[in-house]
Protein backbone atom coordinates (compact mmCIF):
# COMPACT_ATOMS: atom_id res chain seq x y z
CA ILE A 1 35.17 -295.14 196.72
CA PRO A 2 32.10 -296.18 199.66
CA THR A 3 32.53 -299.63 198.28
CA ALA A 4 30.83 -302.77 198.72
CA THR A 5 31.41 -306.47 197.56
CA SER A 6 29.04 -309.64 196.66
CA PHE A 7 30.04 -312.87 196.26
CA ARG A 8 28.91 -315.91 194.20
CA THR A 9 30.18 -319.56 193.84
CA LEU A 10 29.45 -320.37 190.27
CA ALA A 11 29.98 -324.49 189.29
CA VAL A 12 31.42 -324.19 186.34
CA ASP A 13 30.40 -327.93 184.32
CA THR A 14 28.36 -326.71 182.00
CA LEU A 15 31.16 -323.62 181.14
CA ASP A 16 33.26 -326.04 180.77
CA ALA A 17 31.81 -328.63 178.45
CA LYS A 18 30.17 -325.70 176.09
CA ARG A 19 33.73 -323.93 175.71
CA LYS A 20 35.39 -327.19 174.59
CA ALA A 21 32.50 -328.07 171.62
CA LEU A 22 33.12 -324.47 170.64
CA ASN A 23 36.91 -324.70 170.67
CA GLY A 24 35.87 -328.21 168.80
CA ALA A 25 33.88 -325.98 166.09
CA LEU A 26 36.91 -323.06 165.73
CA SER A 27 39.75 -325.39 165.52
CA GLU A 28 39.33 -325.72 161.90
CA ARG A 29 39.73 -321.98 161.94
CA GLY A 30 42.51 -321.48 164.03
CA MET A 31 40.24 -320.02 166.72
CA LYS A 32 39.34 -320.96 170.48
CA VAL A 33 37.38 -319.28 173.11
CA SER A 34 38.73 -319.34 176.31
CA PHE A 35 36.91 -319.25 179.48
CA THR A 36 37.75 -315.60 180.30
CA HIS A 37 35.70 -314.79 176.61
CA LEU A 38 32.92 -315.74 177.87
CA ILE A 39 32.61 -314.98 181.10
CA ALA A 40 33.45 -310.84 180.20
CA TRP A 41 30.53 -311.76 177.48
CA ALA A 42 28.03 -312.87 180.49
CA ILE A 43 28.89 -309.97 182.50
CA VAL A 44 28.27 -307.61 179.21
CA GLU A 45 24.66 -309.48 178.50
CA ALA A 46 23.59 -309.90 182.50
CA ALA A 47 24.73 -305.94 182.76
CA LYS A 48 21.88 -305.16 179.90
CA ASP A 49 18.96 -306.34 182.47
CA TRP A 50 20.79 -304.85 185.28
CA ARG A 51 22.06 -301.23 183.84
CA ALA A 52 22.55 -300.16 187.32
CA MET A 53 25.75 -301.76 187.63
CA ALA A 54 26.65 -299.78 184.18
CA ARG A 55 26.43 -296.12 186.22
CA SER A 56 29.05 -294.01 187.81
CA PHE A 57 28.90 -291.27 190.41
CA GLU A 58 29.58 -287.81 189.92
CA GLU A 59 29.99 -284.61 191.78
CA ARG A 60 28.82 -281.54 190.01
CA ASP A 61 28.65 -278.07 190.66
CA GLY A 62 28.85 -279.74 194.13
CA LYS A 63 26.38 -281.87 193.89
CA PRO A 64 25.71 -285.74 193.89
CA ASN A 65 25.02 -286.94 189.83
CA VAL A 66 24.21 -290.71 188.95
CA ILE A 67 25.56 -291.10 185.56
CA ASP A 68 23.87 -293.23 182.74
CA HIS A 69 26.62 -293.99 179.88
CA GLY A 70 24.22 -295.60 177.64
CA ALA A 71 26.33 -298.61 176.86
CA VAL A 72 28.69 -301.27 178.90
CA ASN A 73 32.26 -300.22 178.20
CA LEU A 74 33.71 -303.59 180.00
CA GLY A 75 37.46 -302.54 180.88
CA ILE A 76 40.07 -306.37 181.00
CA ALA A 77 42.95 -306.15 183.77
CA VAL A 78 45.79 -307.88 181.73
CA ASP A 79 48.76 -308.35 183.85
CA ILE A 80 52.04 -307.89 182.37
CA GLU A 81 55.36 -309.61 183.21
CA LYS A 82 58.08 -307.31 182.33
CA LYS A 83 61.50 -308.70 181.08
CA ASP A 84 62.99 -307.79 184.22
CA GLY A 85 60.40 -309.71 186.45
CA SER A 86 58.53 -306.47 187.19
CA ARG A 87 54.56 -306.73 186.64
CA SER A 88 51.70 -303.85 185.91
CA LEU A 89 48.21 -303.94 185.08
CA MET A 90 46.81 -302.72 181.52
CA VAL A 91 43.20 -302.52 182.18
CA PRO A 92 42.06 -301.45 178.04
CA CYS A 93 38.42 -300.86 177.11
CA ILE A 94 35.97 -302.53 174.98
CA ARG A 95 33.45 -299.89 174.26
CA ALA A 96 30.15 -300.48 173.98
CA ALA A 97 30.42 -304.28 174.36
CA ASP A 98 26.73 -304.75 174.75
CA GLN A 99 26.02 -303.27 170.89
CA ALA A 100 28.32 -306.26 169.31
CA ASP A 101 27.61 -309.85 168.60
CA PHE A 102 29.98 -312.39 170.19
CA LYS A 103 31.44 -313.01 167.24
CA ALA A 104 32.70 -308.97 167.01
CA PHE A 105 33.29 -309.24 170.88
CA HIS A 106 35.72 -311.60 170.41
CA THR A 107 37.78 -309.94 168.06
CA ASP A 108 38.01 -306.43 169.75
CA TYR A 109 38.53 -308.49 173.10
CA GLU A 110 42.07 -310.40 170.79
CA ASP A 111 42.83 -307.26 169.33
CA LEU A 112 43.21 -304.82 172.51
CA ILE A 113 45.00 -308.39 174.55
CA ARG A 114 47.22 -308.27 171.08
CA LYS A 115 48.23 -304.43 171.89
CA THR A 116 48.90 -305.09 175.21
CA ARG A 117 51.22 -307.53 174.69
CA GLU A 118 53.00 -305.74 172.22
CA ASN A 119 52.68 -302.17 174.33
CA SER A 120 51.07 -300.26 171.13
CA LEU A 121 47.99 -299.37 173.20
CA THR A 122 47.15 -295.60 172.59
CA ALA A 123 45.40 -293.43 175.79
CA ASP A 124 41.96 -293.98 173.61
CA ASP A 125 42.11 -297.52 174.63
CA PHE A 126 41.67 -297.13 177.80
CA GLN A 127 39.17 -294.37 177.87
CA GLY A 128 35.24 -294.66 179.10
CA THR A 129 35.19 -297.85 181.34
CA ASN A 130 32.68 -298.37 183.23
CA ILE A 131 32.56 -302.06 184.41
CA THR A 132 36.10 -304.07 184.83
CA LEU A 133 36.57 -307.47 184.68
CA THR A 134 40.16 -308.69 186.58
CA ASN A 135 40.87 -312.31 186.58
CA PRO A 136 43.40 -312.77 189.72
CA GLY A 137 42.34 -316.70 189.65
CA GLY A 138 44.67 -317.43 187.08
CA LEU A 139 47.18 -317.36 189.34
CA GLY A 140 45.17 -319.43 191.64
CA THR A 141 43.33 -317.03 193.69
CA VAL A 142 40.12 -318.49 195.77
CA ALA A 143 38.27 -315.06 195.65
CA SER A 144 39.23 -311.18 195.38
CA VAL A 145 38.15 -308.27 196.56
CA PRO A 146 39.78 -305.33 193.86
CA ARG A 147 39.74 -301.44 194.53
CA LEU A 148 37.45 -299.49 191.94
CA MET A 149 38.91 -297.04 189.99
CA SER A 150 36.83 -293.76 190.32
CA GLY A 151 34.27 -293.30 186.89
CA GLN A 152 33.26 -296.33 187.23
CA GLY A 153 30.11 -298.53 188.98
CA THR A 154 31.48 -302.05 188.84
CA ILE A 155 34.45 -304.26 189.23
CA ILE A 156 34.34 -308.21 189.11
CA ALA A 157 36.46 -310.62 189.99
CA THR A 158 37.18 -314.28 189.16
CA GLY A 159 38.64 -316.86 191.37
CA SER A 160 40.12 -319.64 190.24
CA ILE A 161 38.41 -322.98 188.79
CA ALA A 162 39.05 -326.20 190.93
CA TYR A 163 36.53 -328.61 192.29
CA PRO A 164 36.11 -327.56 196.57
CA PRO A 165 38.52 -328.28 198.61
CA GLU A 166 36.76 -331.35 200.76
CA TRP A 167 36.48 -333.15 196.57
CA ALA A 168 40.46 -331.72 195.78
CA HIS A 169 42.32 -335.35 196.37
CA ALA A 170 39.63 -337.24 195.23
CA ALA A 171 40.03 -339.69 192.51
CA PRO A 172 38.11 -338.86 188.84
CA GLU A 173 35.82 -341.54 189.37
CA ARG A 174 34.71 -340.55 192.64
CA LEU A 175 34.20 -336.85 191.59
CA LYS A 176 32.10 -338.78 188.45
CA ALA A 177 29.79 -340.94 190.28
CA VAL A 178 28.80 -338.42 192.68
CA GLY A 179 28.22 -335.25 190.11
CA VAL A 180 31.02 -333.63 191.84
CA SER A 181 31.79 -329.55 189.56
CA LYS A 182 34.21 -327.63 189.53
CA VAL A 183 33.69 -324.21 191.39
CA MET A 184 34.71 -320.65 190.53
CA THR A 185 34.21 -317.61 192.80
CA MET A 186 32.88 -314.45 191.45
CA THR A 187 32.69 -311.35 192.91
CA SER A 188 30.88 -307.57 192.14
CA THR A 189 33.04 -305.00 194.23
CA TYR A 190 30.70 -301.79 193.34
CA ASP A 191 29.91 -298.48 193.77
CA HIS A 192 27.59 -298.31 196.90
CA ARG A 193 26.34 -294.72 197.09
CA ILE A 194 24.86 -295.60 193.64
CA ILE A 195 24.27 -299.16 193.68
CA GLN A 196 22.80 -301.67 196.14
CA GLY A 197 23.43 -305.05 197.84
CA ALA A 198 20.04 -306.43 195.68
CA GLU A 199 21.56 -305.10 192.56
CA SER A 200 24.73 -306.75 193.00
CA GLY A 201 23.65 -309.95 193.82
CA SER A 202 20.58 -309.32 191.03
CA PHE A 203 23.44 -308.95 188.59
CA LEU A 204 25.69 -312.48 190.03
CA ARG A 205 22.70 -314.36 189.47
CA ARG A 206 21.79 -313.70 186.16
CA ILE A 207 25.63 -314.31 185.44
CA ASP A 208 25.34 -317.23 186.58
CA GLN A 209 22.27 -318.20 184.70
CA LEU A 210 23.74 -317.11 181.52
CA LEU A 211 27.29 -319.47 182.23
CA SER A 212 24.87 -322.61 183.74
CA GLY A 213 23.54 -322.31 179.64
CA GLY A 214 20.04 -319.97 180.70
CA ASP A 215 18.39 -317.83 177.75
CA ASN A 216 20.29 -320.06 175.00
CA PHE A 217 23.52 -317.75 175.65
CA TYR A 218 26.33 -320.50 174.33
CA GLU A 219 23.27 -321.03 171.18
CA GLY A 220 23.75 -316.96 170.52
CA VAL A 221 27.52 -317.58 170.81
CA ALA A 222 27.44 -320.21 168.71
CA ALA A 223 25.22 -318.48 166.04
CA ALA A 224 27.54 -315.29 166.31
CA PHE A 225 29.93 -317.72 164.21
CA GLY A 226 27.50 -319.32 161.75
CA ILE A 227 28.34 -322.85 163.73
CA ASP A 228 25.03 -325.28 164.75
């Protein structure tokens, strides 16, 4: 697939603070939300505004076609370490993620992760993905340009959450005094036959706006759980 990739570095201080606040309210229910839950939901919400990112390319009768799936079907890349130490990557799909609220999305997400860990996924769990989220940042990778699979429009990769390198060894008091935030680099690798750079860049900008608290993003997450 002829692809191109957009990069964007996001400040994550708001994301971090809101996640902690949500988890404080959810702890009595034995629930929690992760960075990846919230990032995945921001991708779904941003894709509502940038539908082009969830389209795919297909040849029919030798002619190129743009396929509009009518929904955001989000694949979640899950790294599995086997008993012998080898690793594999599974990418189950949350279908029609844009037609749910965050609580339902969270439930579907956790169910897929559980099934992945228990090796109980079925063929249906892999069908229909048009956008994928992968998180190599969990291993400390700063940025990644992953492969885009056939039938998908976009794959988003998130890098590690850390202070900029020049501040990595600064004292916490110094970081607080000058207002330095942890950052995360996000990439959007897309099928360049049907998606343009301006669309990909705008998509990442919209994700950044949401994770920074725009358009009551976190209030919507809280409301889905019945939290003030």
